Amino acid sequence: MLSWLDLVAVPLLAKVCLVGMFPLSAYDKVVHWDEARAQAATGPLPFPGLLLVLGIVVEAVTPVMIVTGWYDRAGAFVLAGFCAVTAVLFHRFWEFPRFWSRDGEGRAHFWDFFKNFGLVGGLLLVVIGGGYAPASEVVRHPLASGPQAAPTQP
């Protein structure tokens, strides 16, 4: 028999861990508007102020959608797109010749780029996920493979 821990607590905790930084990031952009706008202006797109406002809305609203389950797949899809676009437009590590060196200017961009795509992967799992493996089953068989999607019938 599945427990509340299996059905609610662990999936909720996983979602909070996945998206918990985004509302804090939105708040940081509001509090440090000038710095955030200056960073947005470094990208190739026009209207950095408008982009910043849109980013704040995405970072504030979509995590709530994901955690509450209200159109969570749509919210995860939008947030995954936001993370991918942010990585490609604002963390262009390849533009720095010494990005891999210890004191290279692009090193932080390198890691931010790949962290963003790690988030994209987690968010896409919310989009396509469906059911979760019960926490009690994971505890009983911690090294077993996760649930696989059922094949569709022709």
Protein backbone atom coordinates (compact mmCIF):
# COMPACT_ATOMS: atom_id res chain seq x y z
CA MET A 1 0.00 0.00 0.00
CA LEU A 2 1.37 3.40 -0.99
CA SER A 3 1.78 5.96 1.76
CA TRP A 4 1.52 9.72 1.88
CA LEU A 5 5.32 9.77 1.79
CA ASP A 6 5.29 7.85 -1.50
CA LEU A 7 2.53 9.81 -3.17
CA VAL A 8 3.06 13.36 -1.97
CA ALA A 9 6.05 14.14 0.23
CA VAL A 10 8.95 12.83 -1.84
CA PRO A 11 7.67 14.08 -5.24
CA LEU A 12 6.89 17.46 -3.65
CA LEU A 13 10.35 17.67 -2.09
CA ALA A 14 11.93 16.77 -5.44
CA LYS A 15 10.01 19.53 -7.21
CA VAL A 16 10.87 22.10 -4.53
CA CYS A 17 14.55 21.17 -4.80
CA LEU A 18 14.41 21.41 -8.60
CA VAL A 19 12.80 24.87 -8.78
CA GLY A 20 13.45 26.43 -5.38
CA MET A 21 16.21 28.72 -6.61
CA PHE A 22 14.09 30.43 -9.26
CA PRO A 23 11.85 32.57 -7.00
CA LEU A 24 14.99 33.63 -5.12
CA SER A 25 16.60 34.54 -8.44
CA ALA A 26 13.52 36.57 -9.40
CA TYR A 27 13.66 38.40 -6.05
CA ASP A 28 17.38 39.07 -6.53
CA LYS A 29 16.68 40.60 -9.95
CA VAL A 30 14.06 42.90 -8.44
CA VAL A 31 16.26 43.97 -5.52
CA HIS A 32 19.35 44.43 -7.70
CA TRP A 33 17.55 45.77 -10.75
CA ASP A 34 20.40 47.90 -12.12
CA GLU A 35 22.92 45.06 -12.02
CA ALA A 36 20.42 42.60 -13.50
CA ARG A 37 19.51 45.01 -16.29
CA ALA A 38 23.19 45.56 -17.07
CA GLN A 39 23.70 41.80 -17.31
CA ALA A 40 20.62 41.47 -19.56
CA ALA A 41 22.10 44.19 -21.79
CA THR A 42 25.18 42.00 -22.43
CA GLY A 43 23.09 39.60 -24.48
CA PRO A 44 22.35 39.89 -28.17
CA LEU A 45 18.65 40.75 -27.78
CA PRO A 46 17.18 44.26 -27.63
CA PHE A 47 15.04 45.68 -24.82
CA PRO A 48 16.94 44.35 -21.78
CA GLY A 49 14.44 45.89 -19.34
CA LEU A 50 11.53 44.06 -20.95
CA LEU A 51 13.51 40.82 -21.06
CA LEU A 52 14.32 41.24 -17.39
CA VAL A 53 10.66 41.71 -16.48
CA LEU A 54 9.71 38.62 -18.50
CA GLY A 55 12.48 36.64 -16.80
CA ILE A 56 11.26 37.72 -13.36
CA VAL A 57 7.72 36.64 -14.21
CA VAL A 58 8.90 33.24 -15.51
CA GLU A 59 11.11 32.67 -12.47
CA ALA A 60 8.34 33.69 -10.05
CA VAL A 61 5.31 31.98 -11.62
CA THR A 62 6.47 28.71 -13.18
CA PRO A 63 7.96 27.23 -9.98
CA VAL A 64 4.62 27.73 -8.25
CA MET A 65 2.91 25.94 -11.14
CA ILE A 66 5.36 23.05 -10.93
CA VAL A 67 5.23 22.61 -7.15
CA THR A 68 1.44 22.92 -6.87
CA GLY A 69 0.76 20.74 -9.90
CA TRP A 70 -1.32 23.46 -11.59
CA TYR A 71 -0.37 23.08 -15.25
CA ASP A 72 2.96 21.76 -14.00
CA ARG A 73 3.99 20.33 -17.36
CA ALA A 74 3.38 23.65 -19.11
CA GLY A 75 5.27 25.50 -16.38
CA ALA A 76 8.17 23.04 -16.58
CA PHE A 77 8.26 23.38 -20.38
CA VAL A 78 8.39 27.19 -20.20
CA LEU A 79 11.03 27.13 -17.45
CA ALA A 80 13.12 24.60 -19.39
CA GLY A 81 13.00 26.91 -22.42
CA PHE A 82 13.97 29.85 -20.22
CA CYS A 83 16.99 27.93 -18.87
CA ALA A 84 18.11 26.85 -22.36
CA VAL A 85 17.76 30.33 -23.84
CA THR A 86 19.52 31.90 -20.86
CA ALA A 87 22.41 29.45 -21.21
CA VAL A 88 22.86 30.06 -24.93
CA LEU A 89 22.43 33.84 -24.85
CA PHE A 90 24.04 34.83 -21.56
CA HIS A 91 26.59 32.12 -20.71
CA ARG A 92 28.56 31.98 -23.97
CA PHE A 93 31.69 30.49 -22.44
CA TRP A 94 33.12 29.72 -25.89
CA GLU A 95 33.67 33.45 -26.46
CA PHE A 96 36.42 33.43 -23.82
CA PRO A 97 39.69 31.94 -25.10
CA ARG A 98 40.84 30.74 -21.68
CA PHE A 99 37.47 29.68 -20.24
CA TRP A 100 38.87 26.48 -18.78
CA SER A 101 41.83 28.00 -16.94
CA ARG A 102 41.64 28.65 -13.20
CA ASP A 103 41.56 32.41 -13.60
CA GLY A 104 39.83 32.41 -17.00
CA GLU A 105 37.05 34.96 -17.33
CA GLY A 106 34.69 32.49 -18.98
CA ARG A 107 35.06 29.67 -16.45
CA ALA A 108 31.96 30.70 -14.47
CA HIS A 109 30.02 30.92 -17.74
CA PHE A 110 31.14 27.38 -18.63
CA TRP A 111 29.69 25.97 -15.41
CA ASP A 112 26.54 28.13 -15.54
CA PHE A 113 25.91 26.98 -19.11
CA PHE A 114 26.00 23.30 -18.16
CA LYS A 115 24.11 23.82 -14.90
CA ASN A 116 21.32 25.44 -16.90
CA PHE A 117 21.15 22.42 -19.19
CA GLY A 118 21.14 20.13 -16.15
CA LEU A 119 18.05 22.02 -15.02
CA VAL A 120 16.57 21.66 -18.50
CA GLY A 121 16.92 17.88 -18.16
CA GLY A 122 15.23 17.81 -14.77
CA LEU A 123 12.42 20.05 -15.97
CA LEU A 124 11.87 17.94 -19.08
CA LEU A 125 11.44 14.94 -16.77
CA VAL A 126 8.55 16.86 -15.18
CA VAL A 127 7.15 17.50 -18.66
CA ILE A 128 7.30 13.86 -19.78
CA GLY A 129 7.39 12.17 -16.37
CA GLY A 130 3.89 10.98 -15.61
CA GLY A 131 4.16 8.71 -12.58
CA TYR A 132 6.85 8.49 -9.95
CA ALA A 133 8.54 5.49 -8.43
CA PRO A 134 7.20 5.18 -4.87
CA ALA A 135 9.81 6.25 -2.29
CA SER A 136 9.30 3.01 -0.36
CA GLU A 137 10.14 1.01 -3.51
CA VAL A 138 13.30 3.05 -4.08
CA VAL A 139 14.36 2.40 -0.47
CA ARG A 140 13.73 -1.34 -0.87
CA HIS A 141 15.60 -1.53 -4.20
CA PRO A 142 17.93 1.51 -4.32
CA LEU A 143 20.00 0.28 -7.26
CA ALA A 144 17.11 -0.81 -9.49
CA SER A 145 16.36 1.06 -12.71
CA GLY A 146 13.67 3.70 -12.60
CA PRO A 147 10.23 3.31 -14.15
CA GLN A 148 10.17 3.36 -17.91
CA ALA A 149 7.47 4.81 -20.08
CA ALA A 150 5.04 2.23 -21.38
CA PRO A 151 5.18 1.71 -25.14
CA THR A 152 2.30 3.22 -27.03
CA GLN A 153 -0.13 0.96 -28.82
CA PRO A 154 -0.28 1.35 -32.61
